[in-house]
Amino acid sequence: MSAPSLALQQAAIRDYAKQLRLPTLGSQFVALAEQAIKAKQNHVSYLEALLAAELEEREHNTVVRRLQEARLPKLKTLEEFEFQQAPHIPAALIRTLAEGDYLKRSEPIVLLGETGSGKTHLATGLAVAACRQRKRVRFTTAAQLVNELIEAKHKSELNRVTNRWTRYELIVIDEMAYVAMSEAAAEMLFQVIAGRAERAAVIVTTNLPFSEWTTMFPNARLCKAMLDRLTDQAHIIETGTESYRFRRTLAKKGSKASN
């Protein structure tokens, strides 16, 4: 085939790929064809490699989009968590949860411990793991969620916003019971949690023992109902009272000093 004819053929393939929304195929078919010739692969093997590249790129782009949509405060993975600095945290359980079966079973996860003990890092790491599995995830603090719900109520959009929060396959609510809430705010928060109960997973972090939640939620009955939803079939993981961040900092300083 002459060079002009080949160029026209390649241009046509790129146009077809664009119309079919196969961008990776359109950008890689020439390079993969050359590799197939060198490896003496048949046409079927070449087509398989081409479609595999398209699928891999799509999956990668989906994960990137899921991570963006999750609105994580900072991208922290479980691989970055130094479990040796927090030996009391069940690393095996955390890694098992990261595989995602709790999402299929709509089981809550509650991370309970003092400030700096690694709760948010672990919750974020689990959220990242879910995004890698192409799940729809959303991270928020309890205060941010309540503020969004209050604003929606003022705009007469509370039902729509509440329903949106129930559709995520995983939500992470950081700093639950961190600050006191009015009864009206607690009721709106409860609607989101109750709407997800046994239907979709939620991860909650808190530094307050369950017995003290009534100090932050004025309606004791509502507080009990919220705890019932959050702890039913939940994985409750205590991260301790010592600061993971502080121990990690000391360990890094010690390592530098020894060098």
C-alpha atoms as a PDB file:
ATOM      1  CA  MET A   1       0.000   0.000   0.000  1.00  0.00           C
ATOM      2  CA  SER A   2       1.350   3.424  -0.944  1.00  0.00           C
ATOM      3  CA  ALA A   3       2.137   5.979   1.739  1.00  0.00           C
ATOM      4  CA  PRO A   4      -0.746   8.326   0.704  1.00  0.00           C
ATOM      5  CA  SER A   5      -3.232   5.442   0.749  1.00  0.00           C
ATOM      6  CA  LEU A   6      -1.975   4.283   4.144  1.00  0.00           C
ATOM      7  CA  ALA A   7      -2.271   7.800   5.524  1.00  0.00           C
ATOM      8  CA  LEU A   8      -5.854   8.063   4.276  1.00  0.00           C
ATOM      9  CA  GLN A   9      -6.689   4.684   5.781  1.00  0.00           C
ATOM     10  CA  GLN A  10      -5.235   5.656   9.141  1.00  0.00           C
ATOM     11  CA  ALA A  11      -7.131   8.953   9.077  1.00  0.00           C
ATOM     12  CA  ALA A  12     -10.355   7.063   8.379  1.00  0.00           C
ATOM     13  CA  ILE A  13      -9.694   4.703  11.307  1.00  0.00           C
ATOM     14  CA  ARG A  14      -9.066   7.647  13.621  1.00  0.00           C
ATOM     15  CA  ASP A  15     -12.315   9.217  12.465  1.00  0.00           C
ATOM     16  CA  TYR A  16     -14.224   5.973  13.049  1.00  0.00           C
ATOM     17  CA  ALA A  17     -12.648   5.669  16.506  1.00  0.00           C
ATOM     18  CA  LYS A  18     -13.687   9.229  17.323  1.00  0.00           C
ATOM     19  CA  GLN A  19     -17.269   8.617  16.222  1.00  0.00           C
ATOM     20  CA  LEU A  20     -17.393   5.371  18.194  1.00  0.00           C
ATOM     21  CA  ARG A  21     -15.827   7.119  21.204  1.00  0.00           C
ATOM     22  CA  LEU A  22     -12.790   4.848  21.260  1.00  0.00           C
ATOM     23  CA  PRO A  23     -10.017   7.427  21.800  1.00  0.00           C
ATOM     24  CA  THR A  24      -7.356   4.968  22.968  1.00  0.00           C
ATOM     25  CA  LEU A  25      -7.943   2.759  19.962  1.00  0.00           C
ATOM     26  CA  GLY A  26      -7.623   5.791  17.719  1.00  0.00           C
ATOM     27  CA  SER A  27      -4.351   6.911  19.290  1.00  0.00           C
ATOM     28  CA  GLN A  28      -2.678   3.513  19.681  1.00  0.00           C
ATOM     29  CA  PHE A  29      -3.717   1.362  16.733  1.00  0.00           C
ATOM     30  CA  VAL A  30      -0.637   2.278  14.666  1.00  0.00           C
ATOM     31  CA  ALA A  31       1.886   1.638  17.461  1.00  0.00           C
ATOM     32  CA  LEU A  32       0.209  -1.624  18.465  1.00  0.00           C
ATOM     33  CA  ALA A  33       0.089  -2.732  14.833  1.00  0.00           C
ATOM     34  CA  GLU A  34       3.834  -2.216  14.564  1.00  0.00           C
ATOM     35  CA  GLN A  35       4.366  -4.193  17.776  1.00  0.00           C
ATOM     36  CA  ALA A  36       2.129  -6.988  16.483  1.00  0.00           C
ATOM     37  CA  ILE A  37       4.148  -7.235  13.251  1.00  0.00           C
ATOM     38  CA  LYS A  38       7.439  -7.416  15.157  1.00  0.00           C
ATOM     39  CA  ALA A  39       6.022 -10.073  17.514  1.00  0.00           C
ATOM     40  CA  LYS A  40       4.521 -11.931  14.536  1.00  0.00           C
ATOM     41  CA  GLN A  41       1.071 -11.837  16.134  1.00  0.00           C
ATOM     42  CA  ASN A  42      -2.060 -12.685  14.171  1.00  0.00           C
ATOM     43  CA  HIS A  43      -4.941 -10.299  13.565  1.00  0.00           C
ATOM     44  CA  VAL A  44      -6.996 -11.640  16.470  1.00  0.00           C
ATOM     45  CA  SER A  45      -4.150 -11.089  18.932  1.00  0.00           C
ATOM     46  CA  TYR A  46      -3.698  -7.556  17.606  1.00  0.00           C
ATOM     47  CA  LEU A  47      -7.397  -6.819  17.996  1.00  0.00           C
ATOM     48  CA  GLU A  48      -7.363  -8.246  21.520  1.00  0.00           C
ATOM     49  CA  ALA A  49      -4.436  -6.020  22.520  1.00  0.00           C
ATOM     50  CA  LEU A  50      -6.127  -2.990  21.007  1.00  0.00           C
ATOM     51  CA  LEU A  51      -9.416  -3.553  22.811  1.00  0.00           C
ATOM     52  CA  ALA A  52      -7.592  -4.349  26.066  1.00  0.00           C
ATOM     53  CA  ALA A  53      -5.771  -1.017  25.845  1.00  0.00           C
ATOM     54  CA  GLU A  54      -9.065   0.802  25.304  1.00  0.00           C
ATOM     55  CA  LEU A  55     -10.684  -0.934  28.274  1.00  0.00           C
ATOM     56  CA  GLU A  56      -7.689  -0.307  30.536  1.00  0.00           C
ATOM     57  CA  GLU A  57      -7.680   3.384  29.710  1.00  0.00           C
ATOM     58  CA  ARG A  58     -11.431   3.645  30.295  1.00  0.00           C
ATOM     59  CA  GLU A  59     -11.111   1.979  33.681  1.00  0.00           C
ATOM     60  CA  HIS A  60      -8.249   4.294  34.596  1.00  0.00           C
ATOM     61  CA  ASN A  61     -10.272   7.356  33.589  1.00  0.00           C
ATOM     62  CA  THR A  62     -13.265   6.113  35.581  1.00  0.00           C
ATOM     63  CA  VAL A  63     -11.123   5.766  38.719  1.00  0.00           C
ATOM     64  CA  VAL A  64      -9.697   9.256  38.211  1.00  0.00           C
ATOM     65  CA  ARG A  65     -13.218  10.635  37.831  1.00  0.00           C
ATOM     66  CA  ARG A  66     -14.451   8.771  40.918  1.00  0.00           C
ATOM     67  CA  LEU A  67     -11.566  10.186  42.974  1.00  0.00           C
ATOM     68  CA  GLN A  68     -12.382  13.708  41.796  1.00  0.00           C
ATOM     69  CA  GLU A  69     -16.067  13.297  42.545  1.00  0.00           C
ATOM     70  CA  ALA A  70     -15.305  11.959  46.053  1.00  0.00           C
ATOM     71  CA  ARG A  71     -13.982  15.392  47.112  1.00  0.00           C
ATOM     72  CA  LEU A  72     -11.377  13.908  49.407  1.00  0.00           C
ATOM     73  CA  PRO A  73      -9.649  16.556  51.550  1.00  0.00           C
ATOM     74  CA  LYS A  74      -6.309  14.951  50.696  1.00  0.00           C
ATOM     75  CA  LEU A  75      -5.438  11.833  48.730  1.00  0.00           C
ATOM     76  CA  LYS A  76      -4.240   9.345  51.335  1.00  0.00           C
ATOM     77  CA  THR A  77      -4.009   5.626  50.682  1.00  0.00           C
ATOM     78  CA  LEU A  78      -3.861   2.637  52.987  1.00  0.00           C
ATOM     79  CA  GLU A  79      -0.483   1.796  51.467  1.00  0.00           C
ATOM     80  CA  GLU A  80       0.815   5.050  52.980  1.00  0.00           C
ATOM     81  CA  PHE A  81      -0.526   4.298  56.464  1.00  0.00           C
ATOM     82  CA  GLU A  82       2.319   3.138  58.706  1.00  0.00           C
ATOM     83  CA  PHE A  83       0.577   0.398  60.652  1.00  0.00           C
ATOM     84  CA  GLN A  84       3.803  -0.357  62.521  1.00  0.00           C
ATOM     85  CA  GLN A  85       3.383   3.016  64.221  1.00  0.00           C
ATOM     86  CA  ALA A  86      -0.099   1.978  65.386  1.00  0.00           C
ATOM     87  CA  PRO A  87       0.154  -1.769  66.158  1.00  0.00           C
ATOM     88  CA  HIS A  88      -3.145  -1.756  68.053  1.00  0.00           C
ATOM     89  CA  ILE A  89      -5.039  -0.964  64.834  1.00  0.00           C
ATOM     90  CA  PRO A  90      -6.115  -4.220  63.122  1.00  0.00           C
ATOM     91  CA  ALA A  91      -4.197  -3.919  59.852  1.00  0.00           C
ATOM     92  CA  ALA A  92      -5.475  -7.257  58.531  1.00  0.00           C
ATOM     93  CA  LEU A  93      -9.088  -6.209  59.067  1.00  0.00           C
ATOM     94  CA  ILE A  94      -8.526  -2.841  57.383  1.00  0.00           C
ATOM     95  CA  ARG A  95      -6.953  -4.501  54.354  1.00  0.00           C
ATOM     96  CA  THR A  96      -9.785  -7.024  54.174  1.00  0.00           C
ATOM     97  CA  LEU A  97     -12.339  -4.211  54.284  1.00  0.00           C
ATOM     98  CA  ALA A  98     -10.477  -2.472  51.478  1.00  0.00           C
ATOM     99  CA  GLU A  99     -11.362  -5.415  49.230  1.00  0.00           C
ATOM    100  CA  GLY A 100     -14.923  -4.080  49.275  1.00  0.00           C
ATOM    101  CA  ASP A 101     -17.179  -6.845  50.572  1.00  0.00           C
ATOM    102  CA  TYR A 102     -18.604  -4.476  53.186  1.00  0.00           C
ATOM    103  CA  LEU A 103     -19.854  -2.314  50.312  1.00  0.00           C
ATOM    104  CA  LYS A 104     -21.767  -5.239  48.848  1.00  0.00           C
ATOM    105  CA  ARG A 105     -23.306  -5.974  52.251  1.00  0.00           C
ATOM    106  CA  SER A 106     -23.980  -2.277  53.027  1.00  0.00           C
ATOM    107  CA  GLU A 107     -22.157  -2.564  56.348  1.00  0.00           C
ATOM    108  CA  PRO A 108     -21.146   0.590  58.244  1.00  0.00           C
ATOM    109  CA  ILE A 109     -17.610   1.219  59.459  1.00  0.00           C
ATOM    110  CA  VAL A 110     -17.043   3.317  62.574  1.00  0.00           C
ATOM    111  CA  LEU A 111     -13.535   4.553  63.359  1.00  0.00           C
ATOM    112  CA  LEU A 112     -13.411   5.635  66.990  1.00  0.00           C
ATOM    113  CA  GLY A 113     -10.409   7.310  68.595  1.00  0.00           C
ATOM    114  CA  GLU A 114      -8.733  10.475  69.750  1.00  0.00           C
ATOM    115  CA  THR A 115      -7.601  13.292  67.490  1.00  0.00           C
ATOM    116  CA  GLY A 116      -4.529  12.354  65.485  1.00  0.00           C
ATOM    117  CA  SER A 117      -4.977   8.609  65.933  1.00  0.00           C
ATOM    118  CA  GLY A 118      -5.346   7.948  62.201  1.00  0.00           C
ATOM    119  CA  LYS A 119      -9.136   7.868  61.777  1.00  0.00           C
ATOM    120  CA  THR A 120      -9.361  10.242  58.828  1.00  0.00           C
ATOM    121  CA  HIS A 121      -6.378   8.674  57.051  1.00  0.00           C
ATOM    122  CA  LEU A 122      -7.919   5.202  57.351  1.00  0.00           C
ATOM    123  CA  ALA A 123     -11.348   6.459  56.253  1.00  0.00           C
ATOM    124  CA  THR A 124      -9.797   8.250  53.275  1.00  0.00           C
ATOM    125  CA  GLY A 125      -7.752   5.166  52.388  1.00  0.00           C
ATOM    126  CA  LEU A 126     -10.886   3.021  52.366  1.00  0.00           C
ATOM    127  CA  ALA A 127     -12.627   5.642  50.225  1.00  0.00           C
ATOM    128  CA  VAL A 128      -9.739   5.569  47.742  1.00  0.00           C
ATOM    129  CA  ALA A 129      -9.931   1.763  47.640  1.00  0.00           C
ATOM    130  CA  ALA A 130     -13.651   2.011  46.834  1.00  0.00           C
ATOM    131  CA  CYS A 131     -12.956   4.551  44.074  1.00  0.00           C
ATOM    132  CA  ARG A 132     -10.413   2.139  42.595  1.00  0.00           C
ATOM    133  CA  GLN A 133     -13.262  -0.356  42.414  1.00  0.00           C
ATOM    134  CA  ARG A 134     -15.153   2.317  40.470  1.00  0.00           C
ATOM    135  CA  LYS A 135     -17.694   2.929  43.230  1.00  0.00           C
ATOM    136  CA  ARG A 136     -19.409   6.299  43.605  1.00  0.00           C
ATOM    137  CA  VAL A 137     -17.984   7.803  46.787  1.00  0.00           C
ATOM    138  CA  ARG A 138     -18.404  11.092  48.618  1.00  0.00           C
ATOM    139  CA  PHE A 139     -16.388  12.426  51.565  1.00  0.00           C
ATOM    140  CA  THR A 140     -17.661  15.124  53.908  1.00  0.00           C
ATOM    141  CA  THR A 141     -17.473  16.240  57.496  1.00  0.00           C
ATOM    142  CA  ALA A 142     -20.601  16.078  59.631  1.00  0.00           C
ATOM    143  CA  ALA A 143     -20.608  19.884  59.870  1.00  0.00           C
ATOM    144  CA  GLN A 144     -20.290  20.330  56.087  1.00  0.00           C
ATOM    145  CA  LEU A 145     -23.081  17.846  55.444  1.00  0.00           C
ATOM    146  CA  VAL A 146     -25.410  19.521  57.921  1.00  0.00           C
ATOM    147  CA  ASN A 147     -24.662  22.962  56.460  1.00  0.00           C
ATOM    148  CA  GLU A 148     -25.476  21.647  52.985  1.00  0.00           C
ATOM    149  CA  LEU A 149     -28.747  20.174  54.225  1.00  0.00           C
ATOM    150  CA  ILE A 150     -29.718  23.375  56.035  1.00  0.00           C
ATOM    151  CA  GLU A 151     -29.014  25.424  52.905  1.00  0.00           C
ATOM    152  CA  ALA A 152     -31.051  22.970  50.829  1.00  0.00           C
ATOM    153  CA  LYS A 153     -33.959  23.302  53.247  1.00  0.00           C
ATOM    154  CA  HIS A 154     -33.893  27.091  52.913  1.00  0.00           C
ATOM    155  CA  LYS A 155     -34.089  26.635  49.131  1.00  0.00           C
ATOM    156  CA  SER A 156     -36.888  24.047  49.444  1.00  0.00           C
ATOM    157  CA  GLU A 157     -34.551  21.427  47.976  1.00  0.00           C
ATOM    158  CA  LEU A 158     -34.046  19.237  51.050  1.00  0.00           C
ATOM    159  CA  ASN A 159     -35.656  16.101  49.605  1.00  0.00           C
ATOM    160  CA  ARG A 160     -33.625  16.309  46.418  1.00  0.00           C
ATOM    161  CA  VAL A 161     -30.332  16.799  48.257  1.00  0.00           C
ATOM    162  CA  THR A 162     -31.104  14.108  50.829  1.00  0.00           C
ATOM    163  CA  ASN A 163     -31.940  11.652  48.052  1.00  0.00           C
ATOM    164  CA  ARG A 164     -28.661  12.458  46.321  1.00  0.00           C
ATOM    165  CA  TRP A 165     -26.735  11.577  49.469  1.00  0.00           C
ATOM    166  CA  THR A 166     -28.529   8.240  49.677  1.00  0.00           C
ATOM    167  CA  ARG A 167     -27.480   7.282  46.138  1.00  0.00           C
ATOM    168  CA  TYR A 168     -23.714   7.207  46.680  1.00  0.00           C
ATOM    169  CA  GLU A 169     -22.374   3.697  47.070  1.00  0.00           C
ATOM    170  CA  LEU A 170     -20.205   4.927  49.940  1.00  0.00           C
ATOM    171  CA  ILE A 171     -20.172   8.107  51.967  1.00  0.00           C
ATOM    172  CA  VAL A 172     -17.573   9.049  54.553  1.00  0.00           C
ATOM    173  CA  ILE A 173     -18.728  11.330  57.363  1.00  0.00           C
ATOM    174  CA  ASP A 174     -15.709  12.671  59.190  1.00  0.00           C
ATOM    175  CA  GLU A 175     -15.787  14.233  62.664  1.00  0.00           C
ATOM    176  CA  MET A 176     -19.190  12.901  63.695  1.00  0.00           C
ATOM    177  CA  ALA A 177     -20.270  14.190  67.137  1.00  0.00           C
ATOM    178  CA  TYR A 178     -17.307  16.562  67.061  1.00  0.00           C
ATOM    179  CA  VAL A 179     -19.411  19.653  67.698  1.00  0.00           C
ATOM    180  CA  ALA A 180     -22.871  20.046  69.194  1.00  0.00           C
ATOM    181  CA  MET A 181     -25.829  20.167  66.791  1.00  0.00           C
ATOM    182  CA  SER A 182     -29.265  21.614  67.083  1.00  0.00           C
ATOM    183  CA  GLU A 183     -32.137  19.153  67.088  1.00  0.00           C
ATOM    184  CA  ALA A 184     -33.231  20.279  63.622  1.00  0.00           C
ATOM    185  CA  ALA A 185     -29.731  19.736  62.227  1.00  0.00           C
ATOM    186  CA  ALA A 186     -29.473  16.326  63.891  1.00  0.00           C
ATOM    187  CA  GLU A 187     -32.819  15.317  62.382  1.00  0.00           C
ATOM    188  CA  MET A 188     -31.623  16.157  58.858  1.00  0.00           C
ATOM    189  CA  LEU A 189     -28.385  14.246  59.410  1.00  0.00           C
ATOM    190  CA  PHE A 190     -30.392  11.295  60.678  1.00  0.00           C
ATOM    191  CA  GLN A 191     -32.496  11.290  57.495  1.00  0.00           C
ATOM    192  CA  VAL A 192     -29.372  10.768  55.407  1.00  0.00           C
ATOM    193  CA  ILE A 193     -28.058   7.993  57.660  1.00  0.00           C
ATOM    194  CA  ALA A 194     -31.440   6.279  57.980  1.00  0.00           C
ATOM    195  CA  GLY A 195     -31.984   6.510  54.226  1.00  0.00           C
ATOM    196  CA  ARG A 196     -28.771   4.555  53.649  1.00  0.00           C
ATOM    197  CA  ALA A 197     -29.226   1.955  56.405  1.00  0.00           C
ATOM    198  CA  GLU A 198     -28.993  -1.593  54.989  1.00  0.00           C
ATOM    199  CA  ARG A 199     -28.939  -0.102  51.470  1.00  0.00           C
ATOM    200  CA  ALA A 200     -25.504   1.505  51.118  1.00  0.00           C
ATOM    201  CA  ALA A 201     -22.316   1.703  53.159  1.00  0.00           C
ATOM    202  CA  VAL A 202     -21.189   4.568  55.341  1.00  0.00           C
ATOM    203  CA  ILE A 203     -17.901   5.229  57.124  1.00  0.00           C
ATOM    204  CA  VAL A 204     -17.985   7.438  60.181  1.00  0.00           C
ATOM    205  CA  THR A 205     -15.106   8.805  62.225  1.00  0.00           C
ATOM    206  CA  THR A 206     -15.618  10.088  65.749  1.00  0.00           C
ATOM    207  CA  ASN A 207     -13.488  10.981  68.742  1.00  0.00           C
ATOM    208  CA  LEU A 208     -16.382  10.634  71.173  1.00  0.00           C
ATOM    209  CA  PRO A 209     -17.419   7.364  72.857  1.00  0.00           C
ATOM    210  CA  PHE A 210     -20.969   6.344  71.972  1.00  0.00           C
ATOM    211  CA  SER A 211     -22.042   6.832  75.600  1.00  0.00           C
ATOM    212  CA  GLU A 212     -21.238  10.542  75.270  1.00  0.00           C
ATOM    213  CA  TRP A 213     -22.974  11.263  71.970  1.00  0.00           C
ATOM    214  CA  THR A 214     -25.990  12.665  73.818  1.00  0.00           C
ATOM    215  CA  THR A 215     -23.785  15.618  74.796  1.00  0.00           C
ATOM    216  CA  MET A 216     -23.638  16.576  71.117  1.00  0.00           C
ATOM    217  CA  PHE A 217     -27.137  15.509  70.041  1.00  0.00           C
ATOM    218  CA  PRO A 218     -29.744  17.069  72.353  1.00  0.00           C
ATOM    219  CA  ASN A 219     -32.569  14.639  71.524  1.00  0.00           C
ATOM    220  CA  ALA A 220     -31.643  11.402  73.313  1.00  0.00           C
ATOM    221  CA  ARG A 221     -34.177   9.338  71.378  1.00  0.00           C
ATOM    222  CA  LEU A 222     -32.894  10.621  68.041  1.00  0.00           C
ATOM    223  CA  CYS A 223     -29.320  10.009  69.175  1.00  0.00           C
ATOM    224  CA  LYS A 224     -30.169   6.414  70.057  1.00  0.00           C
ATOM    225  CA  ALA A 225     -31.865   5.868  66.706  1.00  0.00           C
ATOM    226  CA  MET A 226     -28.827   7.273  64.881  1.00  0.00           C
ATOM    227  CA  LEU A 227     -26.475   4.992  66.814  1.00  0.00           C
ATOM    228  CA  ASP A 228     -28.721   2.017  66.078  1.00  0.00           C
ATOM    229  CA  ARG A 229     -28.405   2.690  62.353  1.00  0.00           C
ATOM    230  CA  LEU A 230     -24.653   3.296  62.469  1.00  0.00           C
ATOM    231  CA  THR A 231     -23.691   0.340  64.652  1.00  0.00           C
ATOM    232  CA  ASP A 232     -26.028  -2.329  63.265  1.00  0.00           C
ATOM    233  CA  GLN A 233     -23.741  -4.951  61.639  1.00  0.00           C
ATOM    234  CA  ALA A 234     -20.967  -2.362  61.773  1.00  0.00           C
ATOM    235  CA  HIS A 235     -17.221  -2.820  61.845  1.00  0.00           C
ATOM    236  CA  ILE A 236     -16.223  -0.763  64.887  1.00  0.00           C
ATOM    237  CA  ILE A 237     -12.504  -0.059  64.901  1.00  0.00           C
ATOM    238  CA  GLU A 238     -10.849   1.739  67.798  1.00  0.00           C
ATOM    239  CA  THR A 239      -7.809   3.747  66.742  1.00  0.00           C
ATOM    240  CA  GLY A 240      -6.737   4.489  70.311  1.00  0.00           C
ATOM    241  CA  THR A 241      -5.910   7.519  72.403  1.00  0.00           C
ATOM    242  CA  GLU A 242      -2.327   8.172  71.271  1.00  0.00           C
ATOM    243  CA  SER A 243      -1.568  10.349  68.273  1.00  0.00           C
ATOM    244  CA  TYR A 244      -0.553   8.322  65.230  1.00  0.00           C
ATOM    245  CA  ARG A 245       0.709  11.519  63.602  1.00  0.00           C
ATOM    246  CA  PHE A 246       2.910  12.305  66.607  1.00  0.00           C
ATOM    247  CA  ARG A 247       4.385   8.787  66.746  1.00  0.00           C
ATOM    248  CA  ARG A 248       5.015   8.877  62.997  1.00  0.00           C
ATOM    249  CA  THR A 249       6.802  12.217  63.313  1.00  0.00           C
ATOM    250  CA  LEU A 250       8.975  10.906  66.143  1.00  0.00           C
ATOM    251  CA  ALA A 251       9.809   7.786  64.150  1.00  0.00           C
ATOM    252  CA  LYS A 252      10.893   9.865  61.132  1.00  0.00           C
ATOM    253  CA  LYS A 253      13.033  12.150  63.330  1.00  0.00           C
ATOM    254  CA  GLY A 254      14.623   9.095  64.935  1.00  0.00           C
ATOM    255  CA  SER A 255      15.358   7.610  61.536  1.00  0.00           C
ATOM    256  CA  LYS A 256      17.022  10.817  60.353  1.00  0.00           C
ATOM    257  CA  ALA A 257      19.070  11.054  63.547  1.00  0.00           C
ATOM    258  CA  SER A 258      20.367   7.498  63.164  1.00  0.00           C
ATOM    259  CA  ASN A 259      21.460   8.267  59.602  1.00  0.00           C
END
